[in-house]
Amino acid sequence: MDFAKSELKAAKDEQLIAVKDHVYKLAVAAFEEKLKQLTAMLDQLPNSKAAHVADLEELIRCTKRYHERMALLSVESGKG
């Protein structure tokens, strides 16, 4: 976008100015679209973070249960 703006400022011919202006407007529109996408992603970040934290907590609970059961099996098989 900055490059398109500097090209527009450097243009001297009327036709070239019109073309550079069009390119600059396209660059601005593309920038604004990406900005909207980024803003939407940042707005969703707290929800995404909460979901990922919940997934990690579930993984930790499952891993803990697995290790507790394996320890119990190990103790039981050692007695027999």
PDB file of N, CA and C in Angstrom:
ATOM      1  N   MET A   1       0.833  -1.182   0.000  1.00  0.00           N
ATOM      2  CA  MET A   1       0.000   0.000   0.000  1.00  0.00           C
ATOM      3  C   MET A   1       0.883   1.253   0.000  1.00  0.00           C
ATOM      4  N   ASP A   2       1.950   1.253   0.800  1.00  0.00           N
ATOM      5  CA  ASP A   2       2.847   2.406   0.835  1.00  0.00           C
ATOM      6  C   ASP A   2       3.532   2.606  -0.511  1.00  0.00           C
ATOM      7  N   PHE A   3       3.910   1.487  -1.145  1.00  0.00           N
ATOM      8  CA  PHE A   3       4.551   1.570  -2.456  1.00  0.00           C
ATOM      9  C   PHE A   3       3.603   2.188  -3.476  1.00  0.00           C
ATOM     10  N   ALA A   4       2.348   1.755  -3.466  1.00  0.00           N
ATOM     11  CA  ALA A   4       1.360   2.299  -4.402  1.00  0.00           C
ATOM     12  C   ALA A   4       1.148   3.792  -4.154  1.00  0.00           C
ATOM     13  N   LYS A   5       1.184   4.192  -2.893  1.00  0.00           N
ATOM     14  CA  LYS A   5       1.009   5.607  -2.563  1.00  0.00           C
ATOM     15  C   LYS A   5       2.191   6.431  -3.070  1.00  0.00           C
ATOM     16  N   SER A   6       3.408   5.927  -2.887  1.00  0.00           N
ATOM     17  CA  SER A   6       4.578   6.665  -3.364  1.00  0.00           C
ATOM     18  C   SER A   6       4.615   6.718  -4.888  1.00  0.00           C
ATOM     19  N   GLU A   7       4.182   5.645  -5.540  1.00  0.00           N
ATOM     20  CA  GLU A   7       4.101   5.637  -6.999  1.00  0.00           C
ATOM     21  C   GLU A   7       3.096   6.680  -7.488  1.00  0.00           C
ATOM     22  N   LEU A   8       1.995   6.803  -6.786  1.00  0.00           N
ATOM     23  CA  LEU A   8       0.973   7.790  -7.157  1.00  0.00           C
ATOM     24  C   LEU A   8       1.523   9.205  -7.032  1.00  0.00           C
ATOM     25  N   LYS A   9       2.257   9.469  -5.959  1.00  0.00           N
ATOM     26  CA  LYS A   9       2.831  10.803  -5.757  1.00  0.00           C
ATOM     27  C   LYS A   9       3.879  11.132  -6.819  1.00  0.00           C
ATOM     28  N   ALA A  10       4.607  10.108  -7.289  1.00  0.00           N
ATOM     29  CA  ALA A  10       5.676  10.328  -8.263  1.00  0.00           C
ATOM     30  C   ALA A  10       5.158  10.473  -9.693  1.00  0.00           C
ATOM     31  N   ALA A  11       3.933  10.079  -9.944  1.00  0.00           N
ATOM     32  CA  ALA A  11       3.389  10.117 -11.310  1.00  0.00           C
ATOM     33  C   ALA A  11       3.168  11.559 -11.761  1.00  0.00           C
ATOM     34  N   LYS A  12       3.496  11.812 -13.046  1.00  0.00           N
ATOM     35  CA  LYS A  12       3.358  13.170 -13.597  1.00  0.00           C
ATOM     36  C   LYS A  12       2.279  13.243 -14.680  1.00  0.00           C
ATOM     37  N   ASP A  13       2.131  12.210 -15.461  1.00  0.00           N
ATOM     38  CA  ASP A  13       1.181  12.176 -16.576  1.00  0.00           C
ATOM     39  C   ASP A  13      -0.233  11.926 -16.046  1.00  0.00           C
ATOM     40  N   GLU A  14      -1.213  12.572 -16.644  1.00  0.00           N
ATOM     41  CA  GLU A  14      -2.612  12.429 -16.201  1.00  0.00           C
ATOM     42  C   GLU A  14      -3.088  10.980 -16.268  1.00  0.00           C
ATOM     43  N   GLN A  15      -2.781  10.317 -17.373  1.00  0.00           N
ATOM     44  CA  GLN A  15      -3.214   8.927 -17.549  1.00  0.00           C
ATOM     45  C   GLN A  15      -2.504   8.020 -16.539  1.00  0.00           C
ATOM     46  N   LEU A  16      -1.220   8.277 -16.327  1.00  0.00           N
ATOM     47  CA  LEU A  16      -0.453   7.491 -15.359  1.00  0.00           C
ATOM     48  C   LEU A  16      -0.980   7.727 -13.945  1.00  0.00           C
ATOM     49  N   ILE A  17      -1.354   8.956 -13.662  1.00  0.00           N
ATOM     50  CA  ILE A  17      -1.922   9.278 -12.349  1.00  0.00           C
ATOM     51  C   ILE A  17      -3.217   8.502 -12.133  1.00  0.00           C
ATOM     52  N   ALA A  18      -4.054   8.425 -13.158  1.00  0.00           N
ATOM     53  CA  ALA A  18      -5.320   7.694 -13.038  1.00  0.00           C
ATOM     54  C   ALA A  18      -5.072   6.213 -12.776  1.00  0.00           C
ATOM     55  N   VAL A  19      -4.096   5.636 -13.480  1.00  0.00           N
ATOM     56  CA  VAL A  19      -3.776   4.211 -13.290  1.00  0.00           C
ATOM     57  C   VAL A  19      -3.214   3.981 -11.893  1.00  0.00           C
ATOM     58  N   LYS A  20      -2.279   4.833 -11.479  1.00  0.00           N
ATOM     59  CA  LYS A  20      -1.666   4.688 -10.153  1.00  0.00           C
ATOM     60  C   LYS A  20      -2.702   4.907  -9.051  1.00  0.00           C
ATOM     61  N   ASP A  21      -3.633   5.828  -9.278  1.00  0.00           N
ATOM     62  CA  ASP A  21      -4.703   6.062  -8.307  1.00  0.00           C
ATOM     63  C   ASP A  21      -5.573   4.820  -8.161  1.00  0.00           C
ATOM     64  N   HIS A  22      -5.875   4.182  -9.272  1.00  0.00           N
ATOM     65  CA  HIS A  22      -6.679   2.955  -9.246  1.00  0.00           C
ATOM     66  C   HIS A  22      -5.938   1.846  -8.487  1.00  0.00           C
ATOM     67  N   VAL A  23      -4.641   1.700  -8.763  1.00  0.00           N
ATOM     68  CA  VAL A  23      -3.837   0.685  -8.074  1.00  0.00           C
ATOM     69  C   VAL A  23      -3.796   0.981  -6.578  1.00  0.00           C
ATOM     70  N   TYR A  24      -3.636   2.253  -6.226  1.00  0.00           N
ATOM     71  CA  TYR A  24      -3.614   2.640  -4.816  1.00  0.00           C
ATOM     72  C   TYR A  24      -4.941   2.320  -4.133  1.00  0.00           C
ATOM     73  N   LYS A  25      -6.046   2.616  -4.799  1.00  0.00           N
ATOM     74  CA  LYS A  25      -7.363   2.321  -4.219  1.00  0.00           C
ATOM     75  C   LYS A  25      -7.561   0.820  -4.036  1.00  0.00           C
ATOM     76  N   LEU A  26      -7.053   0.018  -4.980  1.00  0.00           N
ATOM     77  CA  LEU A  26      -7.123  -1.443  -4.829  1.00  0.00           C
ATOM     78  C   LEU A  26      -6.300  -1.904  -3.628  1.00  0.00           C
ATOM     79  N   ALA A  27      -5.122  -1.302  -3.458  1.00  0.00           N
ATOM     80  CA  ALA A  27      -4.269  -1.661  -2.322  1.00  0.00           C
ATOM     81  C   ALA A  27      -4.940  -1.293  -1.001  1.00  0.00           C
ATOM     82  N   VAL A  28      -5.570  -0.132  -0.956  1.00  0.00           N
ATOM     83  CA  VAL A  28      -6.277   0.298   0.258  1.00  0.00           C
ATOM     84  C   VAL A  28      -7.434  -0.649   0.562  1.00  0.00           C
ATOM     85  N   ALA A  29      -8.179  -1.036  -0.467  1.00  0.00           N
ATOM     86  CA  ALA A  29      -9.308  -1.952  -0.268  1.00  0.00           C
ATOM     87  C   ALA A  29      -8.821  -3.309   0.237  1.00  0.00           C
ATOM     88  N   ALA A  30      -7.722  -3.809  -0.325  1.00  0.00           N
ATOM     89  CA  ALA A  30      -7.169  -5.090   0.123  1.00  0.00           C
ATOM     90  C   ALA A  30      -6.693  -4.988   1.568  1.00  0.00           C
ATOM     91  N   PHE A  31      -6.053  -3.867   1.912  1.00  0.00           N
ATOM     92  CA  PHE A  31      -5.590  -3.654   3.280  1.00  0.00           C
ATOM     93  C   PHE A  31      -6.761  -3.628   4.253  1.00  0.00           C
ATOM     94  N   GLU A  32      -7.808  -2.913   3.899  1.00  0.00           N
ATOM     95  CA  GLU A  32      -8.973  -2.819   4.784  1.00  0.00           C
ATOM     96  C   GLU A  32      -9.656  -4.172   4.956  1.00  0.00           C
ATOM     97  N   GLU A  33      -9.689  -4.984   3.896  1.00  0.00           N
ATOM     98  CA  GLU A  33     -10.284  -6.323   3.996  1.00  0.00           C
ATOM     99  C   GLU A  33      -9.469  -7.196   4.950  1.00  0.00           C
ATOM    100  N   LYS A  34      -8.147  -7.157   4.819  1.00  0.00           N
ATOM    101  CA  LYS A  34      -7.294  -7.927   5.730  1.00  0.00           C
ATOM    102  C   LYS A  34      -7.439  -7.417   7.160  1.00  0.00           C
ATOM    103  N   LEU A  35      -7.587  -6.118   7.311  1.00  0.00           N
ATOM    104  CA  LEU A  35      -7.777  -5.538   8.639  1.00  0.00           C
ATOM    105  C   LEU A  35      -9.070  -6.040   9.271  1.00  0.00           C
ATOM    106  N   LYS A  36     -10.140  -6.122   8.482  1.00  0.00           N
ATOM    107  CA  LYS A  36     -11.412  -6.658   8.988  1.00  0.00           C
ATOM    108  C   LYS A  36     -11.250  -8.109   9.425  1.00  0.00           C
ATOM    109  N   GLN A  37     -10.546  -8.903   8.608  1.00  0.00           N
ATOM    110  CA  GLN A  37     -10.333 -10.314   8.946  1.00  0.00           C
ATOM    111  C   GLN A  37      -9.534 -10.441  10.238  1.00  0.00           C
ATOM    112  N   LEU A  38      -8.485  -9.639  10.369  1.00  0.00           N
ATOM    113  CA  LEU A  38      -7.656  -9.688  11.565  1.00  0.00           C
ATOM    114  C   LEU A  38      -8.441  -9.254  12.795  1.00  0.00           C
ATOM    115  N   THR A  39      -9.236  -8.210  12.659  1.00  0.00           N
ATOM    116  CA  THR A  39     -10.055  -7.734  13.773  1.00  0.00           C
ATOM    117  C   THR A  39     -11.046  -8.805  14.212  1.00  0.00           C
ATOM    118  N   ALA A  40     -11.652  -9.491  13.250  1.00  0.00           N
ATOM    119  CA  ALA A  40     -12.595 -10.564  13.582  1.00  0.00           C
ATOM    120  C   ALA A  40     -11.881 -11.695  14.314  1.00  0.00           C
ATOM    121  N   MET A  41     -10.679 -12.043  13.852  1.00  0.00           N
ATOM    122  CA  MET A  41      -9.919 -13.104  14.523  1.00  0.00           C
ATOM    123  C   MET A  41      -9.554 -12.700  15.948  1.00  0.00           C
ATOM    124  N   LEU A  42      -9.157 -11.449  16.127  1.00  0.00           N
ATOM    125  CA  LEU A  42      -8.801 -10.980  17.467  1.00  0.00           C
ATOM    126  C   LEU A  42     -10.015 -10.935  18.384  1.00  0.00           C
ATOM    127  N   ASP A  43     -11.182 -10.620  17.829  1.00  0.00           N
ATOM    128  CA  ASP A  43     -12.406 -10.621  18.629  1.00  0.00           C
ATOM    129  C   ASP A  43     -12.766 -12.033  19.087  1.00  0.00           C
ATOM    130  N   GLN A  44     -12.450 -13.038  18.274  1.00  0.00           N
ATOM    131  CA  GLN A  44     -12.764 -14.433  18.600  1.00  0.00           C
ATOM    132  C   GLN A  44     -11.704 -15.077  19.489  1.00  0.00           C
ATOM    133  N   LEU A  45     -10.571 -14.417  19.663  1.00  0.00           N
ATOM    134  CA  LEU A  45      -9.459 -15.003  20.408  1.00  0.00           C
ATOM    135  C   LEU A  45      -9.822 -15.445  21.826  1.00  0.00           C
ATOM    136  N   PRO A  46     -10.533 -14.649  22.625  1.00  0.00           N
ATOM    137  CA  PRO A  46     -10.873 -15.125  23.974  1.00  0.00           C
ATOM    138  C   PRO A  46     -11.677 -16.427  23.955  1.00  0.00           C
ATOM    139  N   ASN A  47     -12.609 -16.559  23.017  1.00  0.00           N
ATOM    140  CA  ASN A  47     -13.397 -17.790  22.928  1.00  0.00           C
ATOM    141  C   ASN A  47     -12.525 -18.962  22.499  1.00  0.00           C
ATOM    142  N   SER A  48     -11.652 -18.730  21.533  1.00  0.00           N
ATOM    143  CA  SER A  48     -10.756 -19.788  21.069  1.00  0.00           C
ATOM    144  C   SER A  48      -9.819 -20.219  22.187  1.00  0.00           C
ATOM    145  N   LYS A  49      -9.310 -19.247  22.916  1.00  0.00           N
ATOM    146  CA  LYS A  49      -8.388 -19.551  24.010  1.00  0.00           C
ATOM    147  C   LYS A  49      -9.091 -20.385  25.073  1.00  0.00           C
ATOM    148  N   ALA A  50     -10.303 -20.024  25.424  1.00  0.00           N
ATOM    149  CA  ALA A  50     -11.057 -20.776  26.432  1.00  0.00           C
ATOM    150  C   ALA A  50     -11.305 -22.203  25.966  1.00  0.00           C
ATOM    151  N   ALA A  51     -11.622 -22.374  24.694  1.00  0.00           N
ATOM    152  CA  ALA A  51     -11.861 -23.721  24.161  1.00  0.00           C
ATOM    153  C   ALA A  51     -10.584 -24.550  24.207  1.00  0.00           C
ATOM    154  N   HIS A  52      -9.454 -23.956  23.858  1.00  0.00           N
ATOM    155  CA  HIS A  52      -8.188 -24.688  23.884  1.00  0.00           C
ATOM    156  C   HIS A  52      -7.780 -25.042  25.314  1.00  0.00           C
ATOM    157  N   VAL A  53      -8.009 -24.135  26.241  1.00  0.00           N
ATOM    158  CA  VAL A  53      -7.693 -24.418  27.645  1.00  0.00           C
ATOM    159  C   VAL A  53      -8.556 -25.570  28.147  1.00  0.00           C
ATOM    160  N   ALA A  54      -9.824 -25.577  27.790  1.00  0.00           N
ATOM    161  CA  ALA A  54     -10.717 -26.669  28.196  1.00  0.00           C
ATOM    162  C   ALA A  54     -10.251 -27.995  27.599  1.00  0.00           C
ATOM    163  N   ASP A  55      -9.810 -27.982  26.345  1.00  0.00           N
ATOM    164  CA  ASP A  55      -9.288 -29.203  25.719  1.00  0.00           C
ATOM    165  C   ASP A  55      -8.042 -29.704  26.438  1.00  0.00           C
ATOM    166  N   LEU A  56      -7.156 -28.791  26.798  1.00  0.00           N
ATOM    167  CA  LEU A  56      -5.938 -29.193  27.512  1.00  0.00           C
ATOM    168  C   LEU A  56      -6.258 -29.747  28.897  1.00  0.00           C
ATOM    169  N   GLU A  57      -7.217 -29.126  29.575  1.00  0.00           N
ATOM    170  CA  GLU A  57      -7.606 -29.635  30.892  1.00  0.00           C
ATOM    171  C   GLU A  57      -8.196 -31.037  30.779  1.00  0.00           C
ATOM    172  N   GLU A  58      -8.990 -31.290  29.752  1.00  0.00           N
ATOM    173  CA  GLU A  58      -9.556 -32.627  29.535  1.00  0.00           C
ATOM    174  C   GLU A  58      -8.450 -33.635  29.250  1.00  0.00           C
ATOM    175  N   LEU A  59      -7.472 -33.247  28.455  1.00  0.00           N
ATOM    176  CA  LEU A  59      -6.340 -34.132  28.170  1.00  0.00           C
ATOM    177  C   LEU A  59      -5.581 -34.467  29.449  1.00  0.00           C
ATOM    178  N   ILE A  60      -5.374 -33.494  30.291  1.00  0.00           N
ATOM    179  CA  ILE A  60      -4.668 -33.726  31.555  1.00  0.00           C
ATOM    180  C   ILE A  60      -5.467 -34.670  32.448  1.00  0.00           C
ATOM    181  N   ARG A  61      -6.790 -34.480  32.516  1.00  0.00           N
ATOM    182  CA  ARG A  61      -7.624 -35.375  33.331  1.00  0.00           C
ATOM    183  C   ARG A  61      -7.553 -36.811  32.810  1.00  0.00           C
ATOM    184  N   CYS A  62      -7.642 -36.976  31.496  1.00  0.00           N
ATOM    185  CA  CYS A  62      -7.578 -38.325  30.909  1.00  0.00           C
ATOM    186  C   CYS A  62      -6.224 -38.977  31.167  1.00  0.00           C
ATOM    187  N   THR A  63      -5.161 -38.196  31.013  1.00  0.00           N
ATOM    188  CA  THR A  63      -3.817 -38.727  31.255  1.00  0.00           C
ATOM    189  C   THR A  63      -3.654 -39.126  32.717  1.00  0.00           C
ATOM    190  N   LYS A  64      -4.176 -38.320  33.615  1.00  0.00           N
ATOM    191  CA  LYS A  64      -4.086 -38.624  35.045  1.00  0.00           C
ATOM    192  C   LYS A  64      -4.832 -39.921  35.360  1.00  0.00           C
ATOM    193  N   ARG A  65      -6.058 -40.061  34.809  1.00  0.00           N
ATOM    194  CA  ARG A  65      -6.825 -41.292  35.035  1.00  0.00           C
ATOM    195  C   ARG A  65      -6.079 -42.513  34.499  1.00  0.00           C
ATOM    196  N   TYR A  66      -5.496 -42.369  33.323  1.00  0.00           N
ATOM    197  CA  TYR A  66      -4.752 -43.476  32.718  1.00  0.00           C
ATOM    198  C   TYR A  66      -3.605 -43.909  33.628  1.00  0.00           C
ATOM    199  N   HIS A  67      -2.821 -42.953  34.088  1.00  0.00           N
ATOM    200  CA  HIS A  67      -1.671 -43.288  34.931  1.00  0.00           C
ATOM    201  C   HIS A  67      -2.102 -43.852  36.286  1.00  0.00           C
ATOM    202  N   GLU A  68      -3.192 -43.339  36.836  1.00  0.00           N
ATOM    203  CA  GLU A  68      -3.695 -43.900  38.092  1.00  0.00           C
ATOM    204  C   GLU A  68      -4.119 -45.350  37.905  1.00  0.00           C
ATOM    205  N   ARG A  69      -4.801 -45.650  36.802  1.00  0.00           N
ATOM    206  CA  ARG A  69      -5.236 -47.033  36.533  1.00  0.00           C
ATOM    207  C   ARG A  69      -4.049 -47.947  36.273  1.00  0.00           C
ATOM    208  N   MET A  70      -3.050 -47.452  35.549  1.00  0.00           N
ATOM    209  CA  MET A  70      -1.861 -48.269  35.285  1.00  0.00           C
ATOM    210  C   MET A  70      -1.106 -48.542  36.587  1.00  0.00           C
ATOM    211  N   ALA A  71      -1.049 -47.551  37.473  1.00  0.00           N
ATOM    212  CA  ALA A  71      -0.391 -47.748  38.764  1.00  0.00           C
ATOM    213  C   ALA A  71      -1.147 -48.779  39.584  1.00  0.00           C
ATOM    214  N   LEU A  72      -2.478 -48.719  39.561  1.00  0.00           N
ATOM    215  CA  LEU A  72      -3.297 -49.687  40.286  1.00  0.00           C
ATOM    216  C   LEU A  72      -3.094 -51.091  39.731  1.00  0.00           C
ATOM    217  N   LEU A  73      -3.051 -51.220  38.417  1.00  0.00           N
ATOM    218  CA  LEU A  73      -2.806 -52.527  37.799  1.00  0.00           C
ATOM    219  C   LEU A  73      -1.425 -53.054  38.171  1.00  0.00           C
ATOM    220  N   SER A  74      -0.460 -52.170  38.213  1.00  0.00           N
ATOM    221  CA  SER A  74       0.900 -52.571  38.569  1.00  0.00           C
ATOM    222  C   SER A  74       0.954 -53.083  40.004  1.00  0.00           C
ATOM    223  N   VAL A  75       0.260 -52.395  40.906  1.00  0.00           N
ATOM    224  CA  VAL A  75       0.224 -52.820  42.311  1.00  0.00           C
ATOM    225  C   VAL A  75      -0.492 -54.159  42.430  1.00  0.00           C
ATOM    226  N   GLU A  76      -1.622 -54.310  41.732  1.00  0.00           N
ATOM    227  CA  GLU A  76      -2.394 -55.553  41.802  1.00  0.00           C
ATOM    228  C   GLU A  76      -1.624 -56.725  41.201  1.00  0.00           C
ATOM    229  N   SER A  77      -0.915 -56.502  40.120  1.00  0.00           N
ATOM    230  CA  SER A  77      -0.168 -57.601  39.503  1.00  0.00           C
ATOM    231  C   SER A  77       1.057 -57.953  40.338  1.00  0.00           C
ATOM    232  N   GLY A  78       1.565 -57.045  41.121  1.00  0.00           N
ATOM    233  CA  GLY A  78       2.707 -57.321  41.992  1.00  0.00           C
ATOM    234  C   GLY A  78       2.318 -58.163  43.194  1.00  0.00           C
ATOM    235  N   LYS A  79       1.054 -58.096  43.628  1.00  0.00           N
ATOM    236  CA  LYS A  79       0.588 -58.867  44.784  1.00  0.00           C
ATOM    237  C   LYS A  79       0.377 -60.329  44.425  1.00  0.00           C
ATOM    238  N   GLY A  80      -0.031 -60.605  43.186  1.00  0.00           N
ATOM    239  CA  GLY A  80      -0.435 -61.936  42.779  1.00  0.00           C
ATOM    240  C   GLY A  80       0.690 -62.834  42.542  1.00  0.00           C
TER     241      GLY A  80
END
